[in-house]
Amino acid sequence: MQSMNISLPDPLKQFVDGQIAQGRYSSASEYVRELIRADEKRKAEDELETKLLDGLKSPKTALTATEWIEIRAEALAKVAARKKPR
């Protein structure tokens, strides 16, 4: 695991300390990791929404059996990659 130092203004540092004091997180690192994961998820959801809207706007075409197999394999690979420990 890599280390990263960050600087926070006093009000933000106090907020993070408050989150830890409430028992929501065990450390500032855990809190920051959770924020980053939430941001990653939000960006992935935005990307998915954009792709879905693009798909809805595109002309309708029939997919071949080979295309379905490739799409399924790609999706399964992405799911497997997400299940790997961080």
PDB file of N, CA and C in Angstrom:
ATOM      1  N   MET A   1       0.855  -1.174   0.000  1.00  0.00           N
ATOM      2  CA  MET A   1       0.000   0.000   0.000  1.00  0.00           C
ATOM      3  C   MET A   1       0.900   1.236   0.000  1.00  0.00           C
ATOM      4  N   GLN A   2       0.516   2.203  -0.788  1.00  0.00           N
ATOM      5  CA  GLN A   2       1.266   3.448  -0.885  1.00  0.00           C
ATOM      6  C   GLN A   2       0.780   4.440   0.173  1.00  0.00           C
ATOM      7  N   SER A   3       1.653   5.358   0.510  1.00  0.00           N
ATOM      8  CA  SER A   3       1.327   6.399   1.476  1.00  0.00           C
ATOM      9  C   SER A   3       1.165   7.724   0.749  1.00  0.00           C
ATOM     10  N   MET A   4       0.244   8.563   1.256  1.00  0.00           N
ATOM     11  CA  MET A   4       0.028   9.878   0.663  1.00  0.00           C
ATOM     12  C   MET A   4      -0.244  10.859   1.795  1.00  0.00           C
ATOM     13  N   ASN A   5       0.444  11.973   1.777  1.00  0.00           N
ATOM     14  CA  ASN A   5       0.218  13.010   2.777  1.00  0.00           C
ATOM     15  C   ASN A   5      -0.690  14.072   2.174  1.00  0.00           C
ATOM     16  N   ILE A   6      -1.668  14.506   2.946  1.00  0.00           N
ATOM     17  CA  ILE A   6      -2.550  15.577   2.487  1.00  0.00           C
ATOM     18  C   ILE A   6      -2.612  16.661   3.554  1.00  0.00           C
ATOM     19  N   SER A   7      -2.875  17.870   3.099  1.00  0.00           N
ATOM     20  CA  SER A   7      -3.033  19.001   4.013  1.00  0.00           C
ATOM     21  C   SER A   7      -4.485  19.443   3.976  1.00  0.00           C
ATOM     22  N   LEU A   8      -5.040  19.710   5.150  1.00  0.00           N
ATOM     23  CA  LEU A   8      -6.423  20.157   5.259  1.00  0.00           C
ATOM     24  C   LEU A   8      -6.497  21.438   6.071  1.00  0.00           C
ATOM     25  N   PRO A   9      -7.395  22.334   5.689  1.00  0.00           N
ATOM     26  CA  PRO A   9      -7.642  23.491   6.558  1.00  0.00           C
ATOM     27  C   PRO A   9      -8.246  22.997   7.881  1.00  0.00           C
ATOM     28  N   ASP A  10      -8.099  23.778   8.915  1.00  0.00           N
ATOM     29  CA  ASP A  10      -8.578  23.364  10.240  1.00  0.00           C
ATOM     30  C   ASP A  10     -10.030  22.896  10.255  1.00  0.00           C
ATOM     31  N   PRO A  11     -10.971  23.601   9.605  1.00  0.00           N
ATOM     32  CA  PRO A  11     -12.362  23.135   9.665  1.00  0.00           C
ATOM     33  C   PRO A  11     -12.550  21.731   9.060  1.00  0.00           C
ATOM     34  N   LEU A  12     -11.842  21.437   7.987  1.00  0.00           N
ATOM     35  CA  LEU A  12     -11.960  20.101   7.389  1.00  0.00           C
ATOM     36  C   LEU A  12     -11.305  19.046   8.278  1.00  0.00           C
ATOM     37  N   LYS A  13     -10.174  19.364   8.865  1.00  0.00           N
ATOM     38  CA  LYS A  13      -9.508  18.433   9.785  1.00  0.00           C
ATOM     39  C   LYS A  13     -10.414  18.140  10.970  1.00  0.00           C
ATOM     40  N   GLN A  14     -11.070  19.171  11.501  1.00  0.00           N
ATOM     41  CA  GLN A  14     -11.987  18.970  12.622  1.00  0.00           C
ATOM     42  C   GLN A  14     -13.166  18.099  12.206  1.00  0.00           C
ATOM     43  N   PHE A  15     -13.651  18.280  10.991  1.00  0.00           N
ATOM     44  CA  PHE A  15     -14.762  17.458  10.502  1.00  0.00           C
ATOM     45  C   PHE A  15     -14.340  15.991  10.422  1.00  0.00           C
ATOM     46  N   VAL A  16     -13.168  15.731   9.849  1.00  0.00           N
ATOM     47  CA  VAL A  16     -12.667  14.352   9.744  1.00  0.00           C
ATOM     48  C   VAL A  16     -12.494  13.763  11.142  1.00  0.00           C
ATOM     49  N   ASP A  17     -11.907  14.526  12.044  1.00  0.00           N
ATOM     50  CA  ASP A  17     -11.737  14.051  13.425  1.00  0.00           C
ATOM     51  C   ASP A  17     -13.092  13.737  14.058  1.00  0.00           C
ATOM     52  N   GLY A  18     -14.098  14.531  13.749  1.00  0.00           N
ATOM     53  CA  GLY A  18     -15.445  14.274  14.274  1.00  0.00           C
ATOM     54  C   GLY A  18     -16.027  12.968  13.747  1.00  0.00           C
ATOM     55  N   GLN A  19     -15.776  12.677  12.480  1.00  0.00           N
ATOM     56  CA  GLN A  19     -16.254  11.415  11.905  1.00  0.00           C
ATOM     57  C   GLN A  19     -15.613  10.223  12.616  1.00  0.00           C
ATOM     58  N   ILE A  20     -14.337  10.366  12.919  1.00  0.00           N
ATOM     59  CA  ILE A  20     -13.620   9.301  13.619  1.00  0.00           C
ATOM     60  C   ILE A  20     -14.132   9.185  15.061  1.00  0.00           C
ATOM     61  N   ALA A  21     -14.325  10.326  15.718  1.00  0.00           N
ATOM     62  CA  ALA A  21     -14.809  10.324  17.107  1.00  0.00           C
ATOM     63  C   ALA A  21     -16.189   9.688  17.230  1.00  0.00           C
ATOM     64  N   GLN A  22     -17.007   9.841  16.203  1.00  0.00           N
ATOM     65  CA  GLN A  22     -18.349   9.250  16.227  1.00  0.00           C
ATOM     66  C   GLN A  22     -18.305   7.742  15.989  1.00  0.00           C
ATOM     67  N   GLY A  23     -17.136   7.224  15.679  1.00  0.00           N
ATOM     68  CA  GLY A  23     -17.003   5.786  15.479  1.00  0.00           C
ATOM     69  C   GLY A  23     -17.368   5.332  14.079  1.00  0.00           C
ATOM     70  N   ARG A  24     -17.583   6.273  13.191  1.00  0.00           N
ATOM     71  CA  ARG A  24     -17.945   5.898  11.831  1.00  0.00           C
ATOM     72  C   ARG A  24     -16.741   5.330  11.085  1.00  0.00           C
ATOM     73  N   TYR A  25     -15.560   5.793  11.434  1.00  0.00           N
ATOM     74  CA  TYR A  25     -14.323   5.356  10.793  1.00  0.00           C
ATOM     75  C   TYR A  25     -13.267   5.198  11.877  1.00  0.00           C
ATOM     76  N   SER A  26     -12.320   4.303  11.636  1.00  0.00           N
ATOM     77  CA  SER A  26     -11.290   4.082  12.654  1.00  0.00           C
ATOM     78  C   SER A  26     -10.087   5.004  12.482  1.00  0.00           C
ATOM     79  N   SER A  27      -9.967   5.620  11.297  1.00  0.00           N
ATOM     80  CA  SER A  27      -8.835   6.514  11.064  1.00  0.00           C
ATOM     81  C   SER A  27      -9.165   7.476   9.927  1.00  0.00           C
ATOM     82  N   ALA A  28      -8.346   8.512   9.811  1.00  0.00           N
ATOM     83  CA  ALA A  28      -8.508   9.465   8.708  1.00  0.00           C
ATOM     84  C   ALA A  28      -8.269   8.762   7.374  1.00  0.00           C
ATOM     85  N   SER A  29      -7.333   7.831   7.353  1.00  0.00           N
ATOM     86  CA  SER A  29      -7.056   7.088   6.119  1.00  0.00           C
ATOM     87  C   SER A  29      -8.282   6.300   5.666  1.00  0.00           C
ATOM     88  N   GLU A  30      -8.948   5.652   6.605  1.00  0.00           N
ATOM     89  CA  GLU A  30     -10.148   4.885   6.262  1.00  0.00           C
ATOM     90  C   GLU A  30     -11.228   5.811   5.704  1.00  0.00           C
ATOM     91  N   TYR A  31     -11.377   6.972   6.306  1.00  0.00           N
ATOM     92  CA  TYR A  31     -12.378   7.939   5.842  1.00  0.00           C
ATOM     93  C   TYR A  31     -12.068   8.415   4.425  1.00  0.00           C
ATOM     94  N   VAL A  32     -10.815   8.751   4.166  1.00  0.00           N
ATOM     95  CA  VAL A  32     -10.421   9.225   2.835  1.00  0.00           C
ATOM     96  C   VAL A  32     -10.590   8.110   1.808  1.00  0.00           C
ATOM     97  N   ARG A  33     -10.215   6.879   2.157  1.00  0.00           N
ATOM     98  CA  ARG A  33     -10.405   5.752   1.229  1.00  0.00           C
ATOM     99  C   ARG A  33     -11.879   5.587   0.870  1.00  0.00           C
ATOM    100  N   GLU A  34     -12.746   5.715   1.867  1.00  0.00           N
ATOM    101  CA  GLU A  34     -14.188   5.588   1.615  1.00  0.00           C
ATOM    102  C   GLU A  34     -14.680   6.699   0.695  1.00  0.00           C
ATOM    103  N   LEU A  35     -14.196   7.916   0.884  1.00  0.00           N
ATOM    104  CA  LEU A  35     -14.576   9.025   0.006  1.00  0.00           C
ATOM    105  C   LEU A  35     -14.126   8.766  -1.433  1.00  0.00           C
ATOM    106  N   ILE A  36     -12.916   8.248  -1.582  1.00  0.00           N
ATOM    107  CA  ILE A  36     -12.401   7.967  -2.927  1.00  0.00           C
ATOM    108  C   ILE A  36     -13.222   6.861  -3.586  1.00  0.00           C
ATOM    109  N   ARG A  37     -13.539   5.816  -2.840  1.00  0.00           N
ATOM    110  CA  ARG A  37     -14.369   4.734  -3.398  1.00  0.00           C
ATOM    111  C   ARG A  37     -15.737   5.256  -3.825  1.00  0.00           C
ATOM    112  N   ALA A  38     -16.330   6.123  -3.013  1.00  0.00           N
ATOM    113  CA  ALA A  38     -17.639   6.695  -3.360  1.00  0.00           C
ATOM    114  C   ALA A  38     -17.538   7.533  -4.626  1.00  0.00           C
ATOM    115  N   ASP A  39     -16.440   8.272  -4.769  1.00  0.00           N
ATOM    116  CA  ASP A  39     -16.238   9.084  -5.965  1.00  0.00           C
ATOM    117  C   ASP A  39     -16.052   8.199  -7.191  1.00  0.00           C
ATOM    118  N   GLU A  40     -15.280   7.118  -7.041  1.00  0.00           N
ATOM    119  CA  GLU A  40     -15.108   6.161  -8.147  1.00  0.00           C
ATOM    120  C   GLU A  40     -16.462   5.597  -8.584  1.00  0.00           C
ATOM    121  N   LYS A  41     -17.270   5.214  -7.611  1.00  0.00           N
ATOM    122  CA  LYS A  41     -18.583   4.639  -7.907  1.00  0.00           C
ATOM    123  C   LYS A  41     -19.468   5.662  -8.619  1.00  0.00           C
ATOM    124  N   ARG A  42     -19.456   6.891  -8.132  1.00  0.00           N
ATOM    125  CA  ARG A  42     -20.267   7.954  -8.731  1.00  0.00           C
ATOM    126  C   ARG A  42     -19.851   8.196 -10.187  1.00  0.00           C
ATOM    127  N   LYS A  43     -18.555   8.218 -10.434  1.00  0.00           N
ATOM    128  CA  LYS A  43     -18.060   8.428 -11.798  1.00  0.00           C
ATOM    129  C   LYS A  43     -18.435   7.252 -12.703  1.00  0.00           C
ATOM    130  N   ALA A  44     -18.351   6.032 -12.195  1.00  0.00           N
ATOM    131  CA  ALA A  44     -18.731   4.851 -12.980  1.00  0.00           C
ATOM    132  C   ALA A  44     -20.220   4.892 -13.306  1.00  0.00           C
ATOM    133  N   GLU A  45     -21.036   5.306 -12.337  1.00  0.00           N
ATOM    134  CA  GLU A  45     -22.481   5.409 -12.577  1.00  0.00           C
ATOM    135  C   GLU A  45     -22.792   6.482 -13.617  1.00  0.00           C
ATOM    136  N   ASP A  46     -22.072   7.602 -13.552  1.00  0.00           N
ATOM    137  CA  ASP A  46     -22.251   8.663 -14.554  1.00  0.00           C
ATOM    138  C   ASP A  46     -21.881   8.167 -15.945  1.00  0.00           C
ATOM    139  N   GLU A  47     -20.785   7.425 -16.028  1.00  0.00           N
ATOM    140  CA  GLU A  47     -20.339   6.881 -17.317  1.00  0.00           C
ATOM    141  C   GLU A  47     -21.361   5.884 -17.859  1.00  0.00           C
ATOM    142  N   LEU A  48     -21.876   5.034 -16.978  1.00  0.00           N
ATOM    143  CA  LEU A  48     -22.886   4.066 -17.398  1.00  0.00           C
ATOM    144  C   LEU A  48     -24.139   4.776 -17.901  1.00  0.00           C
ATOM    145  N   GLU A  49     -24.575   5.796 -17.173  1.00  0.00           N
ATOM    146  CA  GLU A  49     -25.759   6.540 -17.590  1.00  0.00           C
ATOM    147  C   GLU A  49     -25.551   7.173 -18.968  1.00  0.00           C
ATOM    148  N   THR A  50     -24.376   7.743 -19.182  1.00  0.00           N
ATOM    149  CA  THR A  50     -24.062   8.350 -20.475  1.00  0.00           C
ATOM    150  C   THR A  50     -24.117   7.303 -21.586  1.00  0.00           C
ATOM    151  N   LYS A  51     -23.526   6.138 -21.334  1.00  0.00           N
ATOM    152  CA  LYS A  51     -23.522   5.075 -22.344  1.00  0.00           C
ATOM    153  C   LYS A  51     -24.939   4.561 -22.615  1.00  0.00           C
ATOM    154  N   LEU A  52     -25.726   4.432 -21.566  1.00  0.00           N
ATOM    155  CA  LEU A  52     -27.107   3.966 -21.748  1.00  0.00           C
ATOM    156  C   LEU A  52     -27.917   4.973 -22.562  1.00  0.00           C
ATOM    157  N   LEU A  53     -27.752   6.259 -22.259  1.00  0.00           N
ATOM    158  CA  LEU A  53     -28.464   7.292 -23.020  1.00  0.00           C
ATOM    159  C   LEU A  53     -28.002   7.317 -24.475  1.00  0.00           C
ATOM    160  N   ASP A  54     -26.693   7.157 -24.691  1.00  0.00           N
ATOM    161  CA  ASP A  54     -26.184   7.083 -26.061  1.00  0.00           C
ATOM    162  C   ASP A  54     -26.788   5.894 -26.798  1.00  0.00           C
ATOM    163  N   GLY A  55     -26.890   4.777 -26.086  1.00  0.00           N
ATOM    164  CA  GLY A  55     -27.485   3.582 -26.691  1.00  0.00           C
ATOM    165  C   GLY A  55     -28.945   3.780 -27.051  1.00  0.00           C
ATOM    166  N   LEU A  56     -29.664   4.471 -26.193  1.00  0.00           N
ATOM    167  CA  LEU A  56     -31.080   4.731 -26.470  1.00  0.00           C
ATOM    168  C   LEU A  56     -31.263   5.653 -27.679  1.00  0.00           C
ATOM    169  N   LYS A  57     -30.291   6.534 -27.901  1.00  0.00           N
ATOM    170  CA  LYS A  57     -30.379   7.482 -29.008  1.00  0.00           C
ATOM    171  C   LYS A  57     -29.894   6.881 -30.330  1.00  0.00           C
ATOM    172  N   SER A  58     -29.173   5.776 -30.265  1.00  0.00           N
ATOM    173  CA  SER A  58     -28.599   5.204 -31.483  1.00  0.00           C
ATOM    174  C   SER A  58     -29.644   4.368 -32.229  1.00  0.00           C
ATOM    175  N   PRO A  59     -29.401   4.154 -33.530  1.00  0.00           N
ATOM    176  CA  PRO A  59     -30.336   3.347 -34.305  1.00  0.00           C
ATOM    177  C   PRO A  59     -30.349   1.906 -33.802  1.00  0.00           C
ATOM    178  N   LYS A  60     -31.495   1.267 -33.939  1.00  0.00           N
ATOM    179  CA  LYS A  60     -31.632  -0.118 -33.487  1.00  0.00           C
ATOM    180  C   LYS A  60     -30.960  -1.052 -34.483  1.00  0.00           C
ATOM    181  N   THR A  61     -30.189  -2.001 -33.932  1.00  0.00           N
ATOM    182  CA  THR A  61     -29.559  -3.032 -34.750  1.00  0.00           C
ATOM    183  C   THR A  61     -29.630  -4.352 -34.003  1.00  0.00           C
ATOM    184  N   ALA A  62     -29.649  -5.424 -34.734  1.00  0.00           N
ATOM    185  CA  ALA A  62     -29.662  -6.749 -34.110  1.00  0.00           C
ATOM    186  C   ALA A  62     -28.231  -7.181 -33.830  1.00  0.00           C
ATOM    187  N   LEU A  63     -28.003  -7.737 -32.659  1.00  0.00           N
ATOM    188  CA  LEU A  63     -26.682  -8.233 -32.310  1.00  0.00           C
ATOM    189  C   LEU A  63     -26.562  -9.692 -32.725  1.00  0.00           C
ATOM    190  N   THR A  64     -25.386 -10.051 -33.161  1.00  0.00           N
ATOM    191  CA  THR A  64     -25.141 -11.445 -33.516  1.00  0.00           C
ATOM    192  C   THR A  64     -24.834 -12.233 -32.248  1.00  0.00           C
ATOM    193  N   ALA A  65     -24.872 -13.548 -32.360  1.00  0.00           N
ATOM    194  CA  ALA A  65     -24.542 -14.412 -31.214  1.00  0.00           C
ATOM    195  C   ALA A  65     -23.119 -14.154 -30.750  1.00  0.00           C
ATOM    196  N   THR A  66     -22.216 -13.936 -31.673  1.00  0.00           N
ATOM    197  CA  THR A  66     -20.814 -13.652 -31.329  1.00  0.00           C
ATOM    198  C   THR A  66     -20.696 -12.357 -30.544  1.00  0.00           C
ATOM    199  N   GLU A  67     -21.439 -11.335 -30.940  1.00  0.00           N
ATOM    200  CA  GLU A  67     -21.404 -10.060 -30.219  1.00  0.00           C
ATOM    201  C   GLU A  67     -21.924 -10.225 -28.794  1.00  0.00           C
ATOM    202  N   TRP A  68     -22.992 -11.001 -28.613  1.00  0.00           N
ATOM    203  CA  TRP A  68     -23.525 -11.257 -27.270  1.00  0.00           C
ATOM    204  C   TRP A  68     -22.487 -11.964 -26.411  1.00  0.00           C
ATOM    205  N   ILE A  69     -21.797 -12.937 -26.993  1.00  0.00           N
ATOM    206  CA  ILE A  69     -20.768 -13.681 -26.251  1.00  0.00           C
ATOM    207  C   ILE A  69     -19.642 -12.744 -25.836  1.00  0.00           C
ATOM    208  N   GLU A  70     -19.218 -11.861 -26.734  1.00  0.00           N
ATOM    209  CA  GLU A  70     -18.152 -10.909 -26.414  1.00  0.00           C
ATOM    210  C   GLU A  70     -18.583  -9.919 -25.331  1.00  0.00           C
ATOM    211  N   ILE A  71     -19.815  -9.439 -25.421  1.00  0.00           N
ATOM    212  CA  ILE A  71     -20.337  -8.504 -24.417  1.00  0.00           C
ATOM    213  C   ILE A  71     -20.396  -9.172 -23.053  1.00  0.00           C
ATOM    214  N   ARG A  72     -20.884 -10.404 -23.021  1.00  0.00           N
ATOM    215  CA  ARG A  72     -20.994 -11.143 -21.763  1.00  0.00           C
ATOM    216  C   ARG A  72     -19.606 -11.378 -21.160  1.00  0.00           C
ATOM    217  N   ALA A  73     -18.640 -11.782 -21.990  1.00  0.00           N
ATOM    218  CA  ALA A  73     -17.285 -12.035 -21.499  1.00  0.00           C
ATOM    219  C   ALA A  73     -16.671 -10.760 -20.929  1.00  0.00           C
ATOM    220  N   GLU A  74     -16.873  -9.643 -21.602  1.00  0.00           N
ATOM    221  CA  GLU A  74     -16.337  -8.368 -21.117  1.00  0.00           C
ATOM    222  C   GLU A  74     -16.967  -7.991 -19.778  1.00  0.00           C
ATOM    223  N   ALA A  75     -18.276  -8.175 -19.664  1.00  0.00           N
ATOM    224  CA  ALA A  75     -18.965  -7.853 -18.410  1.00  0.00           C
ATOM    225  C   ALA A  75     -18.485  -8.746 -17.275  1.00  0.00           C
ATOM    226  N   LEU A  76     -18.342 -10.039 -17.538  1.00  0.00           N
ATOM    227  CA  LEU A  76     -17.876 -10.958 -16.500  1.00  0.00           C
ATOM    228  C   LEU A  76     -16.449 -10.630 -16.074  1.00  0.00           C
ATOM    229  N   ALA A  77     -15.614 -10.212 -17.011  1.00  0.00           N
ATOM    230  CA  ALA A  77     -14.237  -9.834 -16.678  1.00  0.00           C
ATOM    231  C   ALA A  77     -14.228  -8.610 -15.771  1.00  0.00           C
ATOM    232  N   LYS A  78     -15.110  -7.646 -16.042  1.00  0.00           N
ATOM    233  CA  LYS A  78     -15.185  -6.442 -15.216  1.00  0.00           C
ATOM    234  C   LYS A  78     -15.673  -6.783 -13.801  1.00  0.00           C
ATOM    235  N   VAL A  79     -16.654  -7.660 -13.709  1.00  0.00           N
ATOM    236  CA  VAL A  79     -17.160  -8.070 -12.399  1.00  0.00           C
ATOM    237  C   VAL A  79     -16.061  -8.788 -11.621  1.00  0.00           C
ATOM    238  N   ALA A  80     -15.326  -9.679 -12.268  1.00  0.00           N
ATOM    239  CA  ALA A  80     -14.244 -10.410 -11.606  1.00  0.00           C
ATOM    240  C   ALA A  80     -13.159  -9.445 -11.141  1.00  0.00           C
ATOM    241  N   ALA A  81     -12.846  -8.435 -11.939  1.00  0.00           N
ATOM    242  CA  ALA A  81     -11.819  -7.460 -11.566  1.00  0.00           C
ATOM    243  C   ALA A  81     -12.226  -6.675 -10.340  1.00  0.00           C
ATOM    244  N   ARG A  82     -13.500  -6.376 -10.198  1.00  0.00           N
ATOM    245  CA  ARG A  82     -13.981  -5.616  -9.036  1.00  0.00           C
ATOM    246  C   ARG A  82     -13.981  -6.442  -7.773  1.00  0.00           C
ATOM    247  N   LYS A  83     -14.057  -7.762  -7.900  1.00  0.00           N
ATOM    248  CA  LYS A  83     -14.099  -8.631  -6.729  1.00  0.00           C
ATOM    249  C   LYS A  83     -12.716  -8.871  -6.135  1.00  0.00           C
ATOM    250  N   LYS A  84     -11.648  -8.502  -6.869  1.00  0.00           N
ATOM    251  CA  LYS A  84     -10.303  -8.682  -6.360  1.00  0.00           C
ATOM    252  C   LYS A  84     -10.084  -7.749  -5.176  1.00  0.00           C
ATOM    253  N   PRO A  85      -9.374  -8.216  -4.133  1.00  0.00           N
ATOM    254  CA  PRO A  85      -9.110  -7.350  -2.974  1.00  0.00           C
ATOM    255  C   PRO A  85      -8.300  -6.139  -3.371  1.00  0.00           C
ATOM    256  N   ARG A  86      -8.571  -5.047  -2.697  1.00  0.00           N
ATOM    257  CA  ARG A  86      -7.864  -3.784  -2.977  1.00  0.00           C
ATOM    258  C   ARG A  86      -6.606  -3.697  -2.188  1.00  0.00           C
TER     259      ARG A  86
END
